[in-house]
């Protein structure tokens, strides 16, 4: 499988690339900064410089052409202002949706956020972030692509256990980046997750069993 990861130098993306490459998949990781190429190569992925805020449509399409799946792991990141939540968390996701449709890439997995909601109230930066993620999720659900939307809780750098809790809606909680990456990799291999949106937290259920339960 050829997988394109947007936001390829991010903490979840680097973990995911290592997992997928270790399973024998071809991974292209999109990055803004060419100085990050060495870090990406160390995961087994091929770095592709493509800034979703400034690249032309033809560049974005070239970056995804021939892929079997896209994972949107990009984000403006902590410390960024409201404007970049719009241009990256929403705008970047929408550009990747458009590129997928233009190049025939059917599978698209979105790393969203717990409580993402296009109608989330408030004017703080985090409120703008949750609205942007919610709007991106809504765009993906309406795109006609074979989507999965994963909404993790608060992210930690604790070692992964590959045991999680998933459901349409869960109370606020946390989950390790290791386990988010493991869930994304498993979603790419599990057709039952197509067309599903779910919250993700640390839990007691092995990842394959948790995802299989979503289809029931």
N, C-alpha and C. Protein backbone atom coordinates (compact mmCIF):
# COMPACT_ATOMS: atom_id res chain seq x y z
N UNK A 1 0.85 -1.19 0.00
CA UNK A 1 0.00 0.00 0.00
C UNK A 1 0.89 1.25 0.00
N UNK A 2 0.51 2.23 -0.76
CA UNK A 2 1.20 3.53 -0.77
C UNK A 2 0.36 4.51 0.05
N UNK A 3 0.95 5.03 1.11
CA UNK A 3 0.23 5.92 2.03
C UNK A 3 0.92 7.28 2.05
N UNK A 4 0.15 8.34 1.85
CA UNK A 4 0.64 9.70 1.97
C UNK A 4 0.20 10.26 3.31
N UNK A 5 1.16 10.79 4.08
CA UNK A 5 0.85 11.38 5.37
C UNK A 5 1.08 12.88 5.29
N UNK A 6 0.03 13.67 5.44
CA UNK A 6 0.16 15.12 5.51
C UNK A 6 0.55 15.50 6.93
N UNK A 7 1.48 16.45 7.06
CA UNK A 7 2.00 16.77 8.38
C UNK A 7 3.05 15.76 8.81
N UNK A 8 3.91 15.38 7.86
CA UNK A 8 4.76 14.22 8.03
C UNK A 8 5.82 14.31 9.09
N UNK A 9 6.12 15.51 9.61
CA UNK A 9 7.12 15.63 10.67
C UNK A 9 6.48 15.72 12.05
N UNK A 10 5.18 15.58 12.12
CA UNK A 10 4.50 15.64 13.41
C UNK A 10 4.76 14.39 14.24
N UNK A 11 4.44 14.49 15.52
CA UNK A 11 4.75 13.39 16.45
C UNK A 11 3.97 12.12 16.13
N UNK A 12 2.69 12.25 15.82
CA UNK A 12 1.91 11.07 15.45
C UNK A 12 2.36 10.57 14.07
N UNK A 13 2.56 11.50 13.15
CA UNK A 13 2.94 11.11 11.79
C UNK A 13 4.24 10.32 11.76
N UNK A 14 5.22 10.74 12.55
CA UNK A 14 6.51 10.03 12.57
C UNK A 14 6.33 8.62 13.12
N UNK A 15 5.52 8.49 14.14
CA UNK A 15 5.25 7.16 14.70
C UNK A 15 4.52 6.29 13.68
N UNK A 16 3.53 6.89 13.00
CA UNK A 16 2.75 6.15 12.02
C UNK A 16 3.62 5.71 10.85
N UNK A 17 4.47 6.59 10.37
CA UNK A 17 5.34 6.25 9.24
C UNK A 17 6.23 5.07 9.60
N UNK A 18 6.75 5.08 10.81
CA UNK A 18 7.63 3.98 11.23
C UNK A 18 6.85 2.66 11.26
N UNK A 19 5.63 2.70 11.76
CA UNK A 19 4.80 1.49 11.81
C UNK A 19 4.51 0.98 10.40
N UNK A 20 4.07 1.87 9.53
CA UNK A 20 3.67 1.46 8.19
C UNK A 20 4.88 0.95 7.38
N UNK A 21 5.98 1.68 7.48
CA UNK A 21 7.18 1.23 6.76
C UNK A 21 7.64 -0.13 7.28
N UNK A 22 7.52 -0.34 8.60
CA UNK A 22 7.90 -1.62 9.18
C UNK A 22 7.03 -2.77 8.70
N UNK A 23 5.80 -2.44 8.28
CA UNK A 23 4.89 -3.46 7.74
C UNK A 23 5.08 -3.65 6.24
N UNK A 24 6.02 -2.92 5.65
CA UNK A 24 6.31 -3.09 4.23
C UNK A 24 5.58 -2.15 3.31
N UNK A 25 4.86 -1.16 3.86
CA UNK A 25 4.15 -0.20 3.03
C UNK A 25 5.10 0.91 2.56
N UNK A 26 4.75 1.53 1.44
CA UNK A 26 5.48 2.70 0.95
C UNK A 26 4.83 3.94 1.53
N UNK A 27 5.62 4.78 2.17
CA UNK A 27 5.08 5.96 2.85
C UNK A 27 5.72 7.21 2.27
N UNK A 28 4.88 8.19 1.89
CA UNK A 28 5.34 9.52 1.51
C UNK A 28 4.87 10.48 2.59
N UNK A 29 5.81 11.17 3.20
CA UNK A 29 5.46 12.11 4.27
C UNK A 29 5.63 13.54 3.77
N UNK A 30 4.54 14.30 3.75
CA UNK A 30 4.58 15.68 3.29
C UNK A 30 5.09 16.59 4.41
N UNK A 31 6.08 17.40 4.11
CA UNK A 31 6.67 18.30 5.09
C UNK A 31 6.78 19.70 4.50
N UNK A 32 6.80 20.70 5.39
CA UNK A 32 6.98 22.09 4.96
C UNK A 32 8.46 22.45 4.88
N UNK A 33 9.22 21.92 5.82
CA UNK A 33 10.61 22.33 5.99
C UNK A 33 11.55 21.25 5.46
N UNK A 34 12.31 21.53 4.42
CA UNK A 34 13.21 20.50 3.89
C UNK A 34 14.26 20.04 4.89
N UNK A 35 14.53 20.86 5.91
CA UNK A 35 15.48 20.44 6.94
C UNK A 35 15.00 19.23 7.73
N UNK A 36 13.73 18.91 7.64
CA UNK A 36 13.17 17.76 8.36
C UNK A 36 13.28 16.47 7.56
N UNK A 37 13.85 16.54 6.37
CA UNK A 37 13.90 15.35 5.50
C UNK A 37 14.64 14.19 6.15
N UNK A 38 15.74 14.46 6.83
CA UNK A 38 16.50 13.39 7.45
C UNK A 38 15.71 12.68 8.53
N UNK A 39 14.98 13.44 9.35
CA UNK A 39 14.15 12.82 10.39
C UNK A 39 13.11 11.89 9.77
N UNK A 40 12.51 12.35 8.68
CA UNK A 40 11.47 11.56 8.02
C UNK A 40 12.07 10.29 7.41
N UNK A 41 13.20 10.43 6.76
CA UNK A 41 13.84 9.25 6.16
C UNK A 41 14.18 8.20 7.22
N UNK A 42 14.51 8.66 8.41
CA UNK A 42 14.86 7.73 9.49
C UNK A 42 13.68 6.86 9.91
N UNK A 43 12.47 7.28 9.59
CA UNK A 43 11.28 6.46 9.90
C UNK A 43 11.01 5.41 8.83
N UNK A 44 11.71 5.53 7.70
CA UNK A 44 11.45 4.64 6.57
C UNK A 44 10.56 5.25 5.52
N UNK A 45 10.16 6.51 5.72
CA UNK A 45 9.29 7.20 4.76
C UNK A 45 10.12 8.04 3.81
N UNK A 46 9.51 8.41 2.69
CA UNK A 46 10.12 9.30 1.73
C UNK A 46 9.58 10.72 1.95
N UNK A 47 10.45 11.68 2.29
CA UNK A 47 9.96 13.05 2.49
C UNK A 47 9.60 13.72 1.17
N UNK A 48 8.50 14.45 1.18
CA UNK A 48 8.07 15.22 0.02
C UNK A 48 7.78 16.63 0.52
N UNK A 49 8.53 17.61 0.03
CA UNK A 49 8.32 18.99 0.46
C UNK A 49 7.09 19.54 -0.25
N UNK A 50 6.07 19.84 0.55
CA UNK A 50 4.79 20.33 0.00
C UNK A 50 4.07 21.08 1.11
N UNK A 51 4.11 22.39 1.05
CA UNK A 51 3.48 23.25 2.05
C UNK A 51 2.02 23.45 1.67
N UNK A 52 1.12 22.87 2.45
CA UNK A 52 -0.30 22.92 2.10
C UNK A 52 -0.89 24.33 2.17
N UNK A 53 -0.18 25.26 2.81
CA UNK A 53 -0.67 26.63 2.85
C UNK A 53 -0.27 27.43 1.60
N UNK A 54 0.78 27.01 0.90
CA UNK A 54 1.27 27.83 -0.21
C UNK A 54 1.46 27.09 -1.52
N UNK A 55 1.48 25.77 -1.50
CA UNK A 55 1.70 25.00 -2.73
C UNK A 55 0.54 25.17 -3.70
N UNK A 56 0.85 25.09 -4.98
CA UNK A 56 -0.19 25.11 -5.99
C UNK A 56 -0.96 23.80 -6.01
N UNK A 57 -2.14 23.82 -6.59
CA UNK A 57 -2.96 22.61 -6.65
C UNK A 57 -2.22 21.48 -7.36
N UNK A 58 -1.45 21.84 -8.41
CA UNK A 58 -0.74 20.81 -9.15
C UNK A 58 0.33 20.15 -8.28
N UNK A 59 0.95 20.92 -7.38
CA UNK A 59 1.96 20.35 -6.48
C UNK A 59 1.33 19.38 -5.49
N UNK A 60 0.19 19.77 -4.95
CA UNK A 60 -0.48 18.91 -3.97
C UNK A 60 -0.95 17.63 -4.65
N UNK A 61 -1.51 17.77 -5.85
CA UNK A 61 -1.96 16.58 -6.58
C UNK A 61 -0.79 15.67 -6.93
N UNK A 62 0.34 16.25 -7.31
CA UNK A 62 1.51 15.43 -7.63
C UNK A 62 1.99 14.66 -6.40
N UNK A 63 1.85 15.27 -5.23
CA UNK A 63 2.32 14.64 -4.01
C UNK A 63 1.49 13.41 -3.63
N UNK A 64 0.23 13.38 -4.04
CA UNK A 64 -0.65 12.26 -3.65
C UNK A 64 -0.93 11.29 -4.79
N UNK A 65 -0.57 11.68 -6.01
CA UNK A 65 -0.92 10.84 -7.16
C UNK A 65 -0.29 9.44 -7.02
N UNK A 66 -1.10 8.42 -7.28
CA UNK A 66 -0.63 7.05 -7.21
C UNK A 66 -0.75 6.43 -5.84
N UNK A 67 -1.19 7.20 -4.85
CA UNK A 67 -1.33 6.66 -3.49
C UNK A 67 -2.59 5.81 -3.37
N UNK A 68 -2.57 4.93 -2.41
CA UNK A 68 -3.76 4.14 -2.06
C UNK A 68 -4.56 4.79 -0.95
N UNK A 69 -3.90 5.60 -0.12
CA UNK A 69 -4.57 6.21 1.03
C UNK A 69 -3.85 7.48 1.43
N UNK A 70 -4.61 8.38 2.03
CA UNK A 70 -4.09 9.62 2.60
C UNK A 70 -4.42 9.62 4.09
N UNK A 71 -3.47 10.03 4.90
CA UNK A 71 -3.72 10.28 6.32
C UNK A 71 -3.44 11.76 6.57
N UNK A 72 -4.45 12.47 7.08
CA UNK A 72 -4.25 13.88 7.39
C UNK A 72 -3.86 14.00 8.85
N UNK A 73 -2.55 14.23 9.07
CA UNK A 73 -2.02 14.36 10.43
C UNK A 73 -1.45 15.76 10.64
N UNK A 74 -1.73 16.68 9.73
CA UNK A 74 -1.18 18.03 9.82
C UNK A 74 -1.98 18.84 10.84
N UNK A 75 -1.31 19.87 11.37
CA UNK A 75 -1.97 20.78 12.28
C UNK A 75 -1.12 22.01 12.48
N UNK A 76 -1.77 23.11 12.82
CA UNK A 76 -1.02 24.35 13.03
C UNK A 76 -0.12 24.24 14.26
N UNK A 77 -0.51 23.41 15.22
CA UNK A 77 0.35 23.16 16.36
C UNK A 77 0.14 24.14 17.49
N UNK A 78 0.63 23.78 18.68
CA UNK A 78 0.50 24.66 19.84
C UNK A 78 1.28 25.95 19.63
N UNK A 79 0.72 27.03 20.12
CA UNK A 79 1.37 28.32 19.97
C UNK A 79 0.97 29.08 18.73
N UNK A 80 0.28 28.42 17.80
CA UNK A 80 -0.16 29.12 16.59
C UNK A 80 -1.46 29.87 16.87
N UNK A 81 -1.69 30.87 16.07
CA UNK A 81 -2.89 31.68 16.26
C UNK A 81 -4.10 31.14 15.53
N UNK A 82 -5.21 31.85 15.70
CA UNK A 82 -6.48 31.41 15.11
C UNK A 82 -6.41 31.33 13.60
N UNK A 83 -5.67 32.25 12.97
CA UNK A 83 -5.63 32.27 11.51
C UNK A 83 -5.06 30.97 10.96
N UNK A 84 -4.03 30.42 11.60
CA UNK A 84 -3.43 29.18 11.09
C UNK A 84 -4.28 27.96 11.41
N UNK A 85 -5.13 28.04 12.41
CA UNK A 85 -6.09 26.94 12.61
C UNK A 85 -6.99 26.83 11.38
N UNK A 86 -7.33 27.97 10.82
CA UNK A 86 -8.17 27.98 9.62
C UNK A 86 -7.40 27.50 8.39
N UNK A 87 -6.16 27.97 8.21
CA UNK A 87 -5.44 27.67 6.98
C UNK A 87 -4.84 26.27 6.97
N UNK A 88 -4.54 25.71 8.15
CA UNK A 88 -3.94 24.38 8.22
C UNK A 88 -4.96 23.33 8.63
N UNK A 89 -5.53 23.48 9.82
CA UNK A 89 -6.42 22.44 10.34
C UNK A 89 -7.68 22.28 9.49
N UNK A 90 -8.17 23.37 8.96
CA UNK A 90 -9.30 23.28 8.03
C UNK A 90 -8.83 23.31 6.57
N UNK A 91 -8.15 24.38 6.20
CA UNK A 91 -7.78 24.56 4.80
C UNK A 91 -6.89 23.46 4.26
N UNK A 92 -5.91 23.02 5.05
CA UNK A 92 -5.02 21.95 4.61
C UNK A 92 -5.76 20.66 4.38
N UNK A 93 -6.68 20.35 5.30
CA UNK A 93 -7.47 19.12 5.16
C UNK A 93 -8.33 19.16 3.90
N UNK A 94 -8.92 20.30 3.63
CA UNK A 94 -9.77 20.44 2.45
C UNK A 94 -8.95 20.35 1.17
N UNK A 95 -7.75 20.90 1.18
CA UNK A 95 -6.89 20.79 -0.01
C UNK A 95 -6.53 19.33 -0.28
N UNK A 96 -6.29 18.57 0.77
CA UNK A 96 -5.97 17.16 0.58
C UNK A 96 -7.20 16.38 0.09
N UNK A 97 -8.39 16.76 0.55
CA UNK A 97 -9.61 16.14 0.03
C UNK A 97 -9.74 16.40 -1.47
N UNK A 98 -9.52 17.66 -1.86
CA UNK A 98 -9.62 18.01 -3.28
C UNK A 98 -8.58 17.26 -4.11
N UNK A 99 -7.36 17.15 -3.58
CA UNK A 99 -6.31 16.43 -4.30
C UNK A 99 -6.64 14.95 -4.42
N UNK A 100 -7.21 14.38 -3.36
CA UNK A 100 -7.61 12.97 -3.41
C UNK A 100 -8.64 12.75 -4.51
N UNK A 101 -9.63 13.62 -4.57
CA UNK A 101 -10.69 13.46 -5.57
C UNK A 101 -10.14 13.67 -6.99
N UNK A 102 -9.22 14.62 -7.14
CA UNK A 102 -8.67 14.92 -8.45
C UNK A 102 -7.79 13.79 -8.99
N UNK A 103 -7.18 13.03 -8.09
CA UNK A 103 -6.21 12.00 -8.50
C UNK A 103 -6.73 10.58 -8.30
N UNK A 104 -7.96 10.44 -7.83
CA UNK A 104 -8.54 9.11 -7.69
C UNK A 104 -8.12 8.34 -6.45
N UNK A 105 -7.62 9.04 -5.44
CA UNK A 105 -7.30 8.37 -4.17
C UNK A 105 -8.57 8.28 -3.34
N UNK A 106 -9.04 7.07 -3.10
CA UNK A 106 -10.34 6.89 -2.45
C UNK A 106 -10.28 6.94 -0.91
N UNK A 107 -9.21 6.44 -0.34
CA UNK A 107 -9.15 6.25 1.12
C UNK A 107 -8.54 7.47 1.79
N UNK A 108 -9.20 7.97 2.84
CA UNK A 108 -8.73 9.17 3.53
C UNK A 108 -9.04 9.00 5.01
N UNK A 109 -7.99 9.02 5.82
CA UNK A 109 -8.15 8.93 7.27
C UNK A 109 -7.76 10.26 7.88
N UNK A 110 -8.67 10.82 8.66
CA UNK A 110 -8.47 12.13 9.29
C UNK A 110 -8.16 11.96 10.76
N UNK A 111 -7.06 12.57 11.20
CA UNK A 111 -6.82 12.68 12.64
C UNK A 111 -7.45 14.00 13.08
N UNK A 112 -8.55 13.91 13.77
CA UNK A 112 -9.31 15.07 14.20
C UNK A 112 -9.05 15.31 15.69
N UNK A 113 -10.04 15.70 16.43
CA UNK A 113 -9.88 15.98 17.85
C UNK A 113 -11.20 15.72 18.56
N UNK A 114 -11.10 15.17 19.76
CA UNK A 114 -12.30 14.99 20.56
C UNK A 114 -12.97 16.35 20.77
N UNK A 115 -14.27 16.39 20.62
CA UNK A 115 -15.10 17.61 20.76
C UNK A 115 -15.03 18.52 19.56
N UNK A 116 -14.37 18.09 18.46
CA UNK A 116 -14.41 18.89 17.23
C UNK A 116 -15.86 19.07 16.79
N UNK A 117 -16.21 20.30 16.43
CA UNK A 117 -17.62 20.60 16.12
C UNK A 117 -17.64 21.88 15.29
N UNK A 118 -18.23 21.84 14.08
CA UNK A 118 -18.26 23.06 13.27
C UNK A 118 -19.04 24.19 13.92
N UNK A 119 -19.87 23.87 14.91
CA UNK A 119 -20.67 24.89 15.59
C UNK A 119 -20.19 25.15 17.02
N UNK A 120 -18.97 24.73 17.33
CA UNK A 120 -18.44 24.94 18.68
C UNK A 120 -18.42 26.43 18.99
N UNK A 121 -18.94 26.84 20.15
CA UNK A 121 -18.98 28.27 20.48
C UNK A 121 -17.64 28.77 21.03
N UNK A 122 -17.49 30.09 21.07
CA UNK A 122 -16.33 30.69 21.72
C UNK A 122 -15.37 31.34 20.75
N UNK A 123 -14.54 32.23 21.30
CA UNK A 123 -13.63 33.02 20.47
C UNK A 123 -12.16 32.78 20.82
N UNK A 124 -11.88 31.93 21.79
CA UNK A 124 -10.49 31.62 22.11
C UNK A 124 -9.88 30.79 20.98
N UNK A 125 -8.55 30.75 20.93
CA UNK A 125 -7.87 30.01 19.86
C UNK A 125 -8.29 28.54 19.85
N UNK A 126 -8.42 27.96 21.03
CA UNK A 126 -8.81 26.54 21.07
C UNK A 126 -10.23 26.35 20.54
N UNK A 127 -11.10 27.31 20.76
CA UNK A 127 -12.46 27.24 20.19
C UNK A 127 -12.40 27.27 18.66
N UNK A 128 -11.56 28.16 18.13
CA UNK A 128 -11.39 28.24 16.67
C UNK A 128 -10.85 26.91 16.14
N UNK A 129 -9.91 26.33 16.88
CA UNK A 129 -9.33 25.03 16.49
C UNK A 129 -10.42 23.95 16.41
N UNK A 130 -11.27 23.85 17.43
CA UNK A 130 -12.31 22.82 17.43
C UNK A 130 -13.31 23.05 16.31
N UNK A 131 -13.61 24.30 16.00
CA UNK A 131 -14.50 24.59 14.87
C UNK A 131 -13.83 24.20 13.56
N UNK A 132 -12.56 24.55 13.41
CA UNK A 132 -11.84 24.23 12.17
C UNK A 132 -11.79 22.72 11.95
N UNK A 133 -11.47 21.97 13.00
CA UNK A 133 -11.43 20.51 12.88
C UNK A 133 -12.82 19.96 12.57
N UNK A 134 -13.84 20.51 13.21
CA UNK A 134 -15.20 20.06 12.95
C UNK A 134 -15.65 20.33 11.53
N UNK A 135 -15.27 21.48 11.00
CA UNK A 135 -15.62 21.81 9.62
C UNK A 135 -14.88 20.90 8.65
N UNK A 136 -13.61 20.62 8.94
CA UNK A 136 -12.86 19.70 8.08
C UNK A 136 -13.49 18.31 8.09
N UNK A 137 -13.90 17.86 9.26
CA UNK A 137 -14.56 16.55 9.35
C UNK A 137 -15.83 16.53 8.50
N UNK A 138 -16.60 17.61 8.60
CA UNK A 138 -17.85 17.67 7.83
C UNK A 138 -17.58 17.65 6.32
N UNK A 139 -16.54 18.36 5.90
CA UNK A 139 -16.16 18.35 4.48
C UNK A 139 -15.80 16.93 4.03
N UNK A 140 -15.07 16.22 4.87
CA UNK A 140 -14.66 14.87 4.51
C UNK A 140 -15.86 13.93 4.44
N UNK A 141 -16.76 14.04 5.40
CA UNK A 141 -17.94 13.17 5.38
C UNK A 141 -18.79 13.41 4.14
N UNK A 142 -18.79 14.63 3.65
CA UNK A 142 -19.58 14.95 2.46
C UNK A 142 -18.84 14.78 1.14
N UNK A 143 -17.62 14.30 1.21
CA UNK A 143 -16.76 14.27 0.01
C UNK A 143 -17.03 13.10 -0.92
N UNK A 144 -17.65 12.05 -0.40
CA UNK A 144 -17.81 10.83 -1.20
C UNK A 144 -16.61 9.91 -1.13
N UNK A 145 -15.55 10.29 -0.40
CA UNK A 145 -14.38 9.44 -0.24
C UNK A 145 -14.64 8.34 0.80
N UNK A 146 -13.79 7.34 0.80
CA UNK A 146 -13.85 6.26 1.80
C UNK A 146 -13.11 6.75 3.04
N UNK A 147 -13.84 7.45 3.90
CA UNK A 147 -13.21 8.15 5.02
C UNK A 147 -13.30 7.37 6.33
N UNK A 148 -12.36 7.70 7.20
CA UNK A 148 -12.45 7.38 8.63
C UNK A 148 -12.00 8.62 9.37
N UNK A 149 -12.74 9.02 10.39
CA UNK A 149 -12.37 10.19 11.19
C UNK A 149 -12.11 9.73 12.61
N UNK A 150 -10.88 9.90 13.05
CA UNK A 150 -10.44 9.46 14.38
C UNK A 150 -10.29 10.70 15.25
N UNK A 151 -10.97 10.72 16.39
CA UNK A 151 -10.98 11.91 17.25
C UNK A 151 -10.34 11.57 18.60
N UNK A 152 -9.01 11.70 18.69
CA UNK A 152 -8.34 11.38 19.95
C UNK A 152 -8.62 12.40 21.03
N UNK A 153 -8.50 11.95 22.28
CA UNK A 153 -8.53 12.86 23.41
C UNK A 153 -7.20 13.57 23.56
N UNK A 154 -6.94 14.07 24.75
CA UNK A 154 -5.67 14.78 25.00
C UNK A 154 -4.50 13.84 24.76
N UNK A 155 -3.53 14.32 23.98
CA UNK A 155 -2.43 13.46 23.56
C UNK A 155 -1.31 13.47 24.58
N UNK A 156 -0.73 12.29 24.82
CA UNK A 156 0.40 12.16 25.72
C UNK A 156 1.54 11.44 25.01
N UNK A 157 2.72 11.50 25.60
CA UNK A 157 3.88 10.78 25.08
C UNK A 157 4.18 9.54 25.91
N UNK A 158 3.20 9.04 26.65
CA UNK A 158 3.36 7.79 27.38
C UNK A 158 3.55 6.64 26.39
N UNK A 159 4.25 5.59 26.78
CA UNK A 159 4.40 4.43 25.89
C UNK A 159 3.03 3.84 25.55
N UNK A 160 2.88 3.42 24.31
CA UNK A 160 1.61 2.84 23.89
C UNK A 160 1.39 1.46 24.47
N UNK A 161 0.13 1.10 24.63
CA UNK A 161 -0.25 -0.23 25.12
C UNK A 161 -0.98 -1.04 24.06
N UNK A 162 -1.40 -0.36 22.97
CA UNK A 162 -2.24 -0.97 21.93
C UNK A 162 -3.55 -1.49 22.52
N UNK A 163 -3.97 -0.87 23.60
CA UNK A 163 -5.28 -1.12 24.20
C UNK A 163 -5.99 0.22 24.33
N UNK A 164 -7.21 0.30 23.79
CA UNK A 164 -7.87 1.60 23.66
C UNK A 164 -9.36 1.47 23.98
N UNK A 165 -9.99 2.62 23.98
CA UNK A 165 -11.45 2.70 24.10
C UNK A 165 -11.94 3.55 22.94
N UNK A 166 -12.92 3.07 22.19
CA UNK A 166 -13.46 3.83 21.06
C UNK A 166 -14.99 3.81 21.15
N UNK A 167 -15.59 4.89 20.68
CA UNK A 167 -17.06 4.99 20.62
C UNK A 167 -17.40 6.26 19.85
N UNK A 168 -18.67 6.37 19.46
CA UNK A 168 -19.12 7.59 18.78
C UNK A 168 -18.79 8.83 19.61
N UNK A 169 -19.07 8.76 20.91
CA UNK A 169 -18.77 9.86 21.82
C UNK A 169 -18.29 9.28 23.14
N UNK A 170 -17.24 9.87 23.69
CA UNK A 170 -16.69 9.45 24.97
C UNK A 170 -16.49 10.68 25.85
N UNK A 171 -16.46 10.51 27.18
CA UNK A 171 -16.10 11.62 28.05
C UNK A 171 -14.67 12.06 27.79
N UNK A 172 -14.34 13.27 28.18
CA UNK A 172 -12.99 13.77 27.93
C UNK A 172 -11.97 12.86 28.61
N UNK A 173 -10.86 12.64 27.92
CA UNK A 173 -9.81 11.77 28.44
C UNK A 173 -8.56 11.93 27.62
N UNK A 174 -7.63 11.00 27.76
CA UNK A 174 -6.35 11.11 27.07
C UNK A 174 -5.98 9.79 26.41
N UNK A 175 -5.00 9.87 25.53
CA UNK A 175 -4.52 8.69 24.80
C UNK A 175 -3.09 9.00 24.34
N UNK A 176 -2.25 7.99 24.29
CA UNK A 176 -0.87 8.22 23.87
C UNK A 176 -0.78 8.37 22.35
N UNK A 177 0.20 9.13 21.93
CA UNK A 177 0.45 9.26 20.49
C UNK A 177 0.81 7.92 19.87
N UNK A 178 1.52 7.07 20.63
CA UNK A 178 1.83 5.73 20.14
C UNK A 178 0.55 4.99 19.77
N UNK A 179 -0.44 5.06 20.65
CA UNK A 179 -1.67 4.31 20.39
C UNK A 179 -2.52 4.94 19.30
N UNK A 180 -2.46 6.26 19.15
CA UNK A 180 -3.16 6.89 18.02
C UNK A 180 -2.56 6.38 16.71
N UNK A 181 -1.24 6.34 16.64
CA UNK A 181 -0.59 5.85 15.43
C UNK A 181 -0.98 4.40 15.15
N UNK A 182 -1.02 3.57 16.20
CA UNK A 182 -1.40 2.16 16.01
C UNK A 182 -2.83 2.04 15.51
N UNK A 183 -3.71 2.89 16.00
CA UNK A 183 -5.11 2.85 15.56
C UNK A 183 -5.22 3.30 14.11
N UNK A 184 -4.50 4.35 13.72
CA UNK A 184 -4.55 4.80 12.33
C UNK A 184 -4.06 3.71 11.40
N UNK A 185 -2.94 3.09 11.74
CA UNK A 185 -2.41 2.00 10.91
C UNK A 185 -3.43 0.87 10.79
N UNK A 186 -4.09 0.55 11.88
CA UNK A 186 -5.08 -0.52 11.85
C UNK A 186 -6.30 -0.13 11.03
N UNK A 187 -6.70 1.15 11.08
CA UNK A 187 -7.83 1.62 10.27
C UNK A 187 -7.56 1.43 8.78
N UNK A 188 -6.33 1.68 8.37
CA UNK A 188 -5.99 1.54 6.95
C UNK A 188 -6.13 0.10 6.48
N UNK A 189 -6.02 -0.83 7.41
CA UNK A 189 -6.12 -2.25 7.06
C UNK A 189 -7.50 -2.84 7.35
N UNK A 190 -8.42 -2.02 7.88
CA UNK A 190 -9.71 -2.54 8.32
C UNK A 190 -10.84 -1.84 7.57
N UNK A 191 -11.40 -2.48 6.53
CA UNK A 191 -12.48 -1.85 5.76
C UNK A 191 -13.70 -1.50 6.60
N UNK A 192 -13.88 -2.17 7.74
CA UNK A 192 -15.05 -1.89 8.57
C UNK A 192 -15.02 -0.48 9.15
N UNK A 193 -13.87 0.18 9.11
CA UNK A 193 -13.80 1.55 9.64
C UNK A 193 -14.17 2.60 8.60
N UNK A 194 -14.40 2.20 7.37
CA UNK A 194 -14.79 3.17 6.34
C UNK A 194 -16.18 3.73 6.65
N UNK A 195 -16.29 5.05 6.59
CA UNK A 195 -17.56 5.71 6.87
C UNK A 195 -17.84 5.90 8.34
N UNK A 196 -16.82 5.75 9.18
CA UNK A 196 -17.00 5.81 10.64
C UNK A 196 -16.25 7.00 11.22
N UNK A 197 -16.88 7.66 12.19
CA UNK A 197 -16.25 8.71 13.00
C UNK A 197 -16.29 8.25 14.45
N UNK A 198 -15.16 8.31 15.14
CA UNK A 198 -15.17 7.84 16.52
C UNK A 198 -14.16 8.58 17.39
N UNK A 199 -14.50 8.69 18.69
CA UNK A 199 -13.58 9.19 19.70
C UNK A 199 -12.63 8.07 20.10
N UNK A 200 -11.43 8.45 20.53
CA UNK A 200 -10.39 7.49 20.87
C UNK A 200 -9.71 7.90 22.17
N UNK A 201 -9.70 6.98 23.13
CA UNK A 201 -9.02 7.20 24.41
C UNK A 201 -8.23 5.96 24.78
N UNK A 202 -7.36 6.11 25.76
CA UNK A 202 -6.71 4.94 26.34
C UNK A 202 -7.77 4.03 26.94
N UNK A 203 -7.54 2.72 26.89
CA UNK A 203 -8.54 1.79 27.41
C UNK A 203 -7.95 0.42 27.64
N UNK A 204 -8.82 -0.58 27.61
CA UNK A 204 -8.42 -1.95 27.92
C UNK A 204 -8.62 -2.92 26.75
N UNK A 205 -9.19 -2.45 25.65
CA UNK A 205 -9.53 -3.34 24.54
C UNK A 205 -8.43 -3.31 23.48
N UNK A 206 -7.91 -4.46 23.06
CA UNK A 206 -6.91 -4.47 22.00
C UNK A 206 -7.42 -3.74 20.75
N UNK A 207 -6.52 -3.05 20.06
CA UNK A 207 -6.91 -2.21 18.93
C UNK A 207 -7.76 -2.95 17.90
N UNK A 208 -7.37 -4.15 17.40
CA UNK A 208 -8.18 -4.80 16.39
C UNK A 208 -9.60 -5.11 16.88
N UNK A 209 -9.71 -5.52 18.12
CA UNK A 209 -11.04 -5.84 18.67
C UNK A 209 -11.87 -4.57 18.83
N UNK A 210 -11.24 -3.48 19.27
CA UNK A 210 -11.97 -2.22 19.43
C UNK A 210 -12.49 -1.73 18.09
N UNK A 211 -11.68 -1.78 17.05
CA UNK A 211 -12.13 -1.31 15.74
C UNK A 211 -13.20 -2.22 15.13
N UNK A 212 -13.05 -3.50 15.33
CA UNK A 212 -14.07 -4.43 14.82
C UNK A 212 -15.42 -4.14 15.44
N UNK A 213 -15.42 -3.71 16.70
CA UNK A 213 -16.67 -3.40 17.39
C UNK A 213 -17.38 -2.19 16.84
N UNK A 214 -16.66 -1.29 16.16
CA UNK A 214 -17.29 -0.11 15.61
C UNK A 214 -18.30 -0.44 14.51
N UNK A 215 -18.08 -1.55 13.83
CA UNK A 215 -18.93 -1.92 12.71
C UNK A 215 -20.21 -2.61 13.15
N UNK A 216 -20.30 -2.92 14.41
CA UNK A 216 -21.47 -3.69 14.87
C UNK A 216 -22.64 -2.77 15.15
